[in-house]
Amino acid sequence: MIIDVHSHAWEYPAHFNDDFRQQAKAGVEMDLTVCYQDYRRLAPVETRTIVFGGKARLSGL
């Protein structure tokens, strides 16, 4: 069994302010989109996932 205790669920870039998007690039364009349906489809059936909600000041959330 896999227990994933560091999961993210956000829509990029909609959930982040311009400053966060600029810092996240760090010279390389990245796709930070997290699609929960894709995650579940690709994860082994026995995977358990913990997603923590929170306020991320630097991301604008």
C-alpha atoms as a PDB file:
ATOM      1  CA  MET A   1       0.000   0.000   0.000  1.00  0.00           C
ATOM      2  CA  ILE A   2       1.206   3.504  -0.819  1.00  0.00           C
ATOM      3  CA  ILE A   3       0.304   6.343   1.536  1.00  0.00           C
ATOM      4  CA  ASP A   4       0.886   9.656  -0.237  1.00  0.00           C
ATOM      5  CA  VAL A   5       1.161  12.319   2.462  1.00  0.00           C
ATOM      6  CA  HIS A   6       2.390  15.192   0.311  1.00  0.00           C
ATOM      7  CA  SER A   7      -0.253  15.906  -2.292  1.00  0.00           C
ATOM      8  CA  HIS A   8      -1.356  19.089  -4.011  1.00  0.00           C
ATOM      9  CA  ALA A   9      -4.644  19.914  -5.654  1.00  0.00           C
ATOM     10  CA  TRP A  10      -4.656  23.204  -7.506  1.00  0.00           C
ATOM     11  CA  GLU A  11      -5.243  24.676 -10.915  1.00  0.00           C
ATOM     12  CA  TYR A  12      -2.178  26.332 -12.382  1.00  0.00           C
ATOM     13  CA  PRO A  13      -1.982  29.208 -13.182  1.00  0.00           C
ATOM     14  CA  ALA A  14      -5.412  30.228 -11.855  1.00  0.00           C
ATOM     15  CA  HIS A  15      -4.605  29.552  -8.199  1.00  0.00           C
ATOM     16  CA  PHE A  16      -1.323  31.501  -8.134  1.00  0.00           C
ATOM     17  CA  ASN A  17      -0.426  35.151  -8.352  1.00  0.00           C
ATOM     18  CA  ASP A  18       2.082  36.557 -10.867  1.00  0.00           C
ATOM     19  CA  ASP A  19       4.923  36.662  -8.324  1.00  0.00           C
ATOM     20  CA  PHE A  20       4.546  32.950  -7.510  1.00  0.00           C
ATOM     21  CA  ARG A  21       4.346  31.978 -11.192  1.00  0.00           C
ATOM     22  CA  GLN A  22       7.536  33.934 -11.909  1.00  0.00           C
ATOM     23  CA  GLN A  23       9.412  32.276  -9.015  1.00  0.00           C
ATOM     24  CA  ALA A  24       8.109  28.811  -9.925  1.00  0.00           C
ATOM     25  CA  LYS A  25       9.604  29.075 -13.402  1.00  0.00           C
ATOM     26  CA  ALA A  26      13.158  29.416 -12.028  1.00  0.00           C
ATOM     27  CA  GLY A  27      14.335  29.747 -15.622  1.00  0.00           C
ATOM     28  CA  VAL A  28      12.344  26.712 -16.804  1.00  0.00           C
ATOM     29  CA  GLU A  29       8.698  26.669 -17.880  1.00  0.00           C
ATOM     30  CA  MET A  30       6.766  24.135 -15.789  1.00  0.00           C
ATOM     31  CA  ASP A  31       3.236  22.833 -15.854  1.00  0.00           C
ATOM     32  CA  LEU A  32       2.106  22.745 -12.225  1.00  0.00           C
ATOM     33  CA  THR A  33      -1.421  21.666 -13.076  1.00  0.00           C
ATOM     34  CA  VAL A  34      -2.661  18.860 -10.863  1.00  0.00           C
ATOM     35  CA  CYS A  35      -5.544  16.837 -12.255  1.00  0.00           C
ATOM     36  CA  TYR A  36      -6.986  14.675  -9.494  1.00  0.00           C
ATOM     37  CA  GLN A  37      -8.700  12.364 -11.996  1.00  0.00           C
ATOM     38  CA  ASP A  38      -5.356  11.662 -13.718  1.00  0.00           C
ATOM     39  CA  TYR A  39      -3.672  11.117 -10.357  1.00  0.00           C
ATOM     40  CA  ARG A  40      -6.272   8.545  -9.301  1.00  0.00           C
ATOM     41  CA  ARG A  41      -6.215   6.826 -12.696  1.00  0.00           C
ATOM     42  CA  LEU A  42      -2.426   6.418 -12.621  1.00  0.00           C
ATOM     43  CA  ALA A  43      -1.989   5.578  -8.921  1.00  0.00           C
ATOM     44  CA  PRO A  44      -2.128   1.953  -7.796  1.00  0.00           C
ATOM     45  CA  VAL A  45      -5.607   0.992  -6.543  1.00  0.00           C
ATOM     46  CA  GLU A  46      -4.432   0.579  -2.938  1.00  0.00           C
ATOM     47  CA  THR A  47      -2.975   4.127  -2.784  1.00  0.00           C
ATOM     48  CA  ARG A  48      -4.294   6.330   0.007  1.00  0.00           C
ATOM     49  CA  THR A  49      -3.805  10.078  -0.295  1.00  0.00           C
ATOM     50  CA  ILE A  50      -3.810  12.877   2.263  1.00  0.00           C
ATOM     51  CA  VAL A  51      -4.344  16.387   0.908  1.00  0.00           C
ATOM     52  CA  PHE A  52      -3.885  19.238   3.362  1.00  0.00           C
ATOM     53  CA  GLY A  53      -5.735  22.473   2.791  1.00  0.00           C
ATOM     54  CA  GLY A  54      -4.076  25.658   3.788  1.00  0.00           C
ATOM     55  CA  LYS A  55      -3.333  29.257   3.083  1.00  0.00           C
ATOM     56  CA  ALA A  56      -0.212  29.743   0.997  1.00  0.00           C
ATOM     57  CA  ARG A  57       0.658  33.406   1.442  1.00  0.00           C
ATOM     58  CA  LEU A  58       3.338  33.558  -1.251  1.00  0.00           C
ATOM     59  CA  SER A  59       1.120  31.856  -3.826  1.00  0.00           C
ATOM     60  CA  GLY A  60      -1.682  34.350  -3.323  1.00  0.00           C
ATOM     61  CA  LEU A  61      -4.012  31.708  -1.833  1.00  0.00           C
END
